[in-house]
N, C-alpha and C. Protein backbone atom coordinates (compact mmCIF):
# COMPACT_ATOMS: atom_id res chain seq x y z
N MET A 1 0.90 -1.15 0.03
CA MET A 1 0.16 0.07 -0.23
C MET A 1 0.80 1.00 0.42
N HIS A 2 1.08 2.15 -1.21
CA HIS A 2 1.69 3.14 -1.15
C HIS A 2 0.64 4.58 -1.33
N LEU A 3 1.21 4.77 -0.12
CA LEU A 3 0.35 6.34 0.28
C LEU A 3 0.59 7.07 -0.15
N ASP A 4 0.59 8.49 -0.94
CA ASP A 4 1.12 9.53 -1.84
C ASP A 4 1.13 10.29 -0.37
N ARG A 5 2.42 11.37 -0.77
CA ARG A 5 2.82 12.60 -0.14
C ARG A 5 2.46 13.08 0.64
N GLN A 6 1.80 13.53 -0.46
CA GLN A 6 0.57 14.94 -0.19
C GLN A 6 -1.73 14.66 0.45
N GLN A 7 -1.14 13.68 0.58
CA GLN A 7 -2.15 12.95 1.19
C GLN A 7 -1.81 13.27 2.49
N LEU A 8 -0.83 12.48 2.59
CA LEU A 8 -0.07 12.45 4.38
C LEU A 8 -0.23 13.87 5.37
N GLN A 9 0.27 15.37 4.30
CA GLN A 9 0.41 16.10 4.82
C GLN A 9 -0.24 16.93 5.13
N VAL A 10 -0.48 17.68 6.56
CA VAL A 10 -0.89 18.57 7.20
C VAL A 10 -0.85 19.16 7.79
N LYS A 11 -0.95 20.61 8.61
CA LYS A 11 -1.35 21.14 9.51
C LYS A 11 -1.10 21.41 10.43
N SER A 12 0.24 21.41 11.75
CA SER A 12 -0.41 21.41 12.60
C SER A 12 -1.00 22.88 13.20
N CYS A 13 -1.22 22.78 14.61
CA CYS A 13 -1.77 23.93 15.00
C CYS A 13 0.00 24.85 15.36
N THR A 14 0.61 24.76 15.35
CA THR A 14 1.55 26.13 14.96
C THR A 14 1.84 26.31 13.98
N GLY A 15 1.07 25.72 12.79
CA GLY A 15 1.68 26.30 11.24
C GLY A 15 2.59 25.10 10.41
N ARG A 16 3.79 24.71 10.81
CA ARG A 16 4.14 23.38 10.76
C ARG A 16 3.15 22.56 10.43
N LEU A 17 4.40 22.16 8.66
CA LEU A 17 3.90 20.63 8.23
C LEU A 17 4.36 19.32 8.57
N VAL A 18 3.38 18.87 8.98
CA VAL A 18 3.49 17.36 9.53
C VAL A 18 2.95 16.28 8.96
N LEU A 19 3.65 15.04 8.97
CA LEU A 19 3.50 14.10 8.46
C LEU A 19 2.08 13.37 9.10
N ALA A 20 1.14 12.76 8.86
CA ALA A 20 0.49 11.80 9.61
C ALA A 20 -0.12 11.50 8.86
N HIS A 21 -0.39 10.03 9.31
CA HIS A 21 -1.37 8.53 8.22
C HIS A 21 -3.32 9.30 8.84
N LYS A 22 -3.40 9.34 9.65
CA LYS A 22 -4.77 9.96 9.72
C LYS A 22 -5.04 11.96 10.63
N PRO A 23 -5.11 12.75 9.24
CA PRO A 23 -5.17 13.95 9.27
C PRO A 23 -5.96 14.72 10.64
N GLY A 24 -7.45 13.73 10.69
CA GLY A 24 -8.14 14.09 11.89
C GLY A 24 -7.92 13.72 13.43
N LEU A 25 -6.77 12.73 13.00
CA LEU A 25 -6.56 12.06 14.65
C LEU A 25 -5.10 13.47 15.29
N LEU A 26 -4.46 14.19 14.22
CA LEU A 26 -4.09 15.63 14.65
C LEU A 26 -4.17 16.66 15.07
N GLY A 27 -5.38 16.57 14.72
CA GLY A 27 -6.63 18.10 15.72
C GLY A 27 -7.05 17.66 16.76
N TYR A 28 -6.99 16.35 16.65
CA TYR A 28 -7.54 15.53 17.70
C TYR A 28 -6.40 15.38 19.43
N THR A 29 -5.53 14.88 19.20
CA THR A 29 -4.39 15.64 19.93
C THR A 29 -3.82 16.51 20.71
N ALA A 30 -4.07 17.17 19.23
CA ALA A 30 -3.78 18.63 19.85
C ALA A 30 -4.63 19.33 21.07
N ALA A 31 -5.62 18.73 20.69
CA ALA A 31 -7.35 19.10 21.66
C ALA A 31 -6.99 19.23 22.90
N MET A 32 -6.30 18.10 22.76
CA MET A 32 -6.80 17.05 23.85
C MET A 32 -5.42 17.23 25.02
N ASN A 33 -4.12 17.65 24.27
CA ASN A 33 -2.86 18.33 24.89
C ASN A 33 -3.24 19.30 25.68
N ARG A 34 -4.05 20.18 24.69
CA ARG A 34 -4.18 21.42 25.62
C ARG A 34 -5.15 21.83 26.46
N LYS A 35 -6.16 20.82 26.25
CA LYS A 35 -7.17 20.24 27.44
C LYS A 35 -6.41 19.57 29.08
N LYS A 36 -5.31 18.98 28.00
CA LYS A 36 -4.47 19.02 29.77
C LYS A 36 -3.92 19.07 29.89
N LYS A 37 -2.75 20.14 29.65
CA LYS A 37 -1.78 21.31 30.23
C LYS A 37 -3.26 22.38 30.65
N ILE A 38 -4.21 23.27 30.17
CA ILE A 38 -5.41 23.71 31.20
C ILE A 38 -5.67 22.95 32.29
N ASN A 39 -5.82 21.64 32.49
CA ASN A 39 -5.98 21.07 33.65
C ASN A 39 -4.45 20.94 34.54
N GLN A 40 -3.23 21.29 33.80
CA GLN A 40 -2.39 20.34 34.20
C GLN A 40 -2.49 22.51 35.32
N THR A 41 -2.91 23.30 34.88
CA THR A 41 -2.21 24.69 35.17
C THR A 41 -3.65 24.45 36.07
N LEU A 42 -4.31 24.72 36.86
CA LEU A 42 -5.69 24.41 37.60
C LEU A 42 -4.99 23.63 38.38
N LYS A 43 -4.76 22.56 38.89
CA LYS A 43 -4.78 21.33 39.62
C LYS A 43 -3.20 22.47 40.78
N ALA A 44 -2.53 22.83 39.61
CA ALA A 44 -1.52 23.71 40.16
C ALA A 44 -1.26 24.78 40.84
N LYS A 45 -2.30 25.96 39.92
CA LYS A 45 -3.33 26.84 41.19
C LYS A 45 -3.97 26.21 42.08
N ALA A 46 -4.98 25.26 42.12
CA ALA A 46 -5.47 24.58 43.66
C ALA A 46 -4.38 24.29 44.07
N LYS A 47 -3.23 23.11 43.65
CA LYS A 47 -2.55 22.75 44.54
C LYS A 47 -1.39 24.29 45.88
N LYS A 48 -1.10 25.43 44.58
CA LYS A 48 -0.73 26.06 45.90
C LYS A 48 -1.52 26.56 46.45
N ALA A 49 -2.53 27.16 45.91
CA ALA A 49 -3.71 27.82 47.22
C ALA A 49 -4.02 26.82 48.60
N ASN A 50 -3.95 25.54 48.03
CA ASN A 50 -4.63 24.83 49.61
C ASN A 50 -3.06 24.92 50.33
N ALA A 51 -2.30 24.95 49.68
CA ALA A 51 -0.98 24.79 50.41
C ALA A 51 -0.35 26.00 51.49
N LYS A 52 -0.99 27.38 50.97
CA LYS A 52 -1.61 28.55 51.62
C LYS A 52 -2.09 28.43 52.93
N LEU A 53 -3.02 27.42 52.55
CA LEU A 53 -4.53 27.32 53.60
C LEU A 53 -3.86 26.62 55.09
N HIS A 54 -2.91 25.59 54.38
CA HIS A 54 -2.11 25.00 55.36
C HIS A 54 -0.70 25.02 56.16
N HIS A 55 -1.02 26.22 56.77
CA HIS A 55 0.36 26.09 57.47
C HIS A 55 1.30 25.27 58.11
N THR A 56 2.29 25.04 58.52
CA THR A 56 2.91 23.80 59.56
C THR A 56 3.56 24.51 60.36
N GLY A 57 3.88 24.19 61.52
CA GLY A 57 4.30 24.27 62.86
C GLY A 57 5.39 24.88 62.78
N LYS A 58 5.92 24.47 61.33
CA LYS A 58 7.69 24.86 61.49
C LYS A 58 7.72 26.08 61.90
N PRO A 59 8.74 26.74 62.35
CA PRO A 59 9.05 27.93 62.41
C PRO A 59 9.67 28.68 61.24
N LYS A 60 9.75 29.96 61.48
CA LYS A 60 10.26 30.75 60.56
C LYS A 60 12.44 30.13 60.34
N TYR A 61 12.02 30.26 59.58
CA TYR A 61 13.87 30.41 59.04
C TYR A 61 14.55 32.13 59.44
N ILE A 62 15.60 31.67 60.48
CA ILE A 62 16.53 32.91 61.16
C ILE A 62 17.57 32.65 60.15
N SER A 63 18.60 33.13 59.63
CA SER A 63 19.90 33.26 59.81
C SER A 63 20.64 33.07 60.68
N LYS A 64 21.81 32.64 60.08
CA LYS A 64 22.74 32.82 61.74
C LYS A 64 23.90 34.36 61.63
N ALA A 65 23.08 34.93 60.77
CA ALA A 65 23.79 36.59 61.33
C ALA A 65 22.70 37.07 61.83
N GLU A 66 21.73 36.85 61.79
CA GLU A 66 20.39 37.67 62.63
C GLU A 66 20.38 36.52 63.71
N ARG A 67 20.11 35.41 64.52
CA ARG A 67 20.51 34.86 65.89
C ARG A 67 21.55 35.17 66.25
N GLU A 68 23.35 35.49 65.58
CA GLU A 68 24.14 36.52 66.66
C GLU A 68 23.25 37.92 67.16
N ARG A 69 22.94 38.24 65.94
CA ARG A 69 22.37 39.98 66.47
C ARG A 69 21.80 39.76 67.44
N LEU A 70 20.06 38.83 67.56
CA LEU A 70 19.43 39.02 69.30
C LEU A 70 19.87 38.38 69.88
N ALA A 71 21.34 37.66 70.22
CA ALA A 71 22.02 37.13 70.90
C ALA A 71 22.51 38.16 71.45
N ILE A 72 23.77 39.11 71.11
CA ILE A 72 24.00 40.17 71.30
C ILE A 72 22.82 41.06 72.07
N GLU A 73 21.54 41.67 71.49
CA GLU A 73 21.04 42.43 72.21
C GLU A 73 20.79 41.87 73.86
N THR A 74 20.04 40.77 73.36
CA THR A 74 19.46 40.02 74.99
C THR A 74 20.50 39.97 75.89
N GLN A 75 21.92 39.91 75.19
CA GLN A 75 23.51 40.38 76.85
C GLN A 75 23.09 41.47 77.09
N HIS A 76 22.94 42.33 75.88
CA HIS A 76 23.22 44.12 76.42
C HIS A 76 21.62 44.85 77.18
N SER A 77 20.51 43.54 76.70
CA SER A 77 18.82 44.20 77.88
C SER A 77 19.62 43.77 79.04
N VAL A 78 20.18 42.30 79.21
CA VAL A 78 19.73 41.75 80.48
C VAL A 78 21.57 42.34 81.77
N GLU A 79 22.40 43.07 80.58
CA GLU A 79 23.63 43.48 81.95
C GLU A 79 22.78 45.33 82.15
N GLU A 80 21.89 45.72 81.13
CA GLU A 80 21.38 46.95 81.50
C GLU A 80 20.57 46.47 82.90
N LEU A 81 19.82 45.27 82.75
CA LEU A 81 18.61 44.78 83.80
C LEU A 81 19.63 44.89 85.01
N SER A 82 20.65 44.14 85.21
CA SER A 82 21.59 43.68 86.43
C SER A 82 22.32 44.77 87.30
N PRO A 83 22.50 45.29 86.71
CA PRO A 83 23.11 46.38 87.95
C PRO A 83 21.75 47.09 88.89
N LEU A 84 20.63 47.38 88.04
CA LEU A 84 19.19 48.06 88.61
C LEU A 84 18.94 47.45 89.71
N LYS A 85 19.17 45.66 89.54
CA LYS A 85 18.71 44.90 90.38
C LYS A 85 20.04 45.21 91.67
N SER A 86 21.14 45.30 91.94
CA SER A 86 22.13 44.78 92.92
C SER A 86 21.52 46.13 94.00
């Protein structure tokens, strides 16, 4: 069975020339890929929105430099209060 090349040529949704055995099938797969991409995007957005609603009990990260600065500030505040008590 020899098929003519012109019978097999189909333009895809991007405008490129594609060879396909069944011209109708290409349009179907392009539509399914579009639906799949839309569903994938919507699921990702829903997942992010759901993640924002459910916070973990994990404390916020404080950098090492910030921890050192806070430790020095607490030492200075304790030193200021201790002479007043004596």
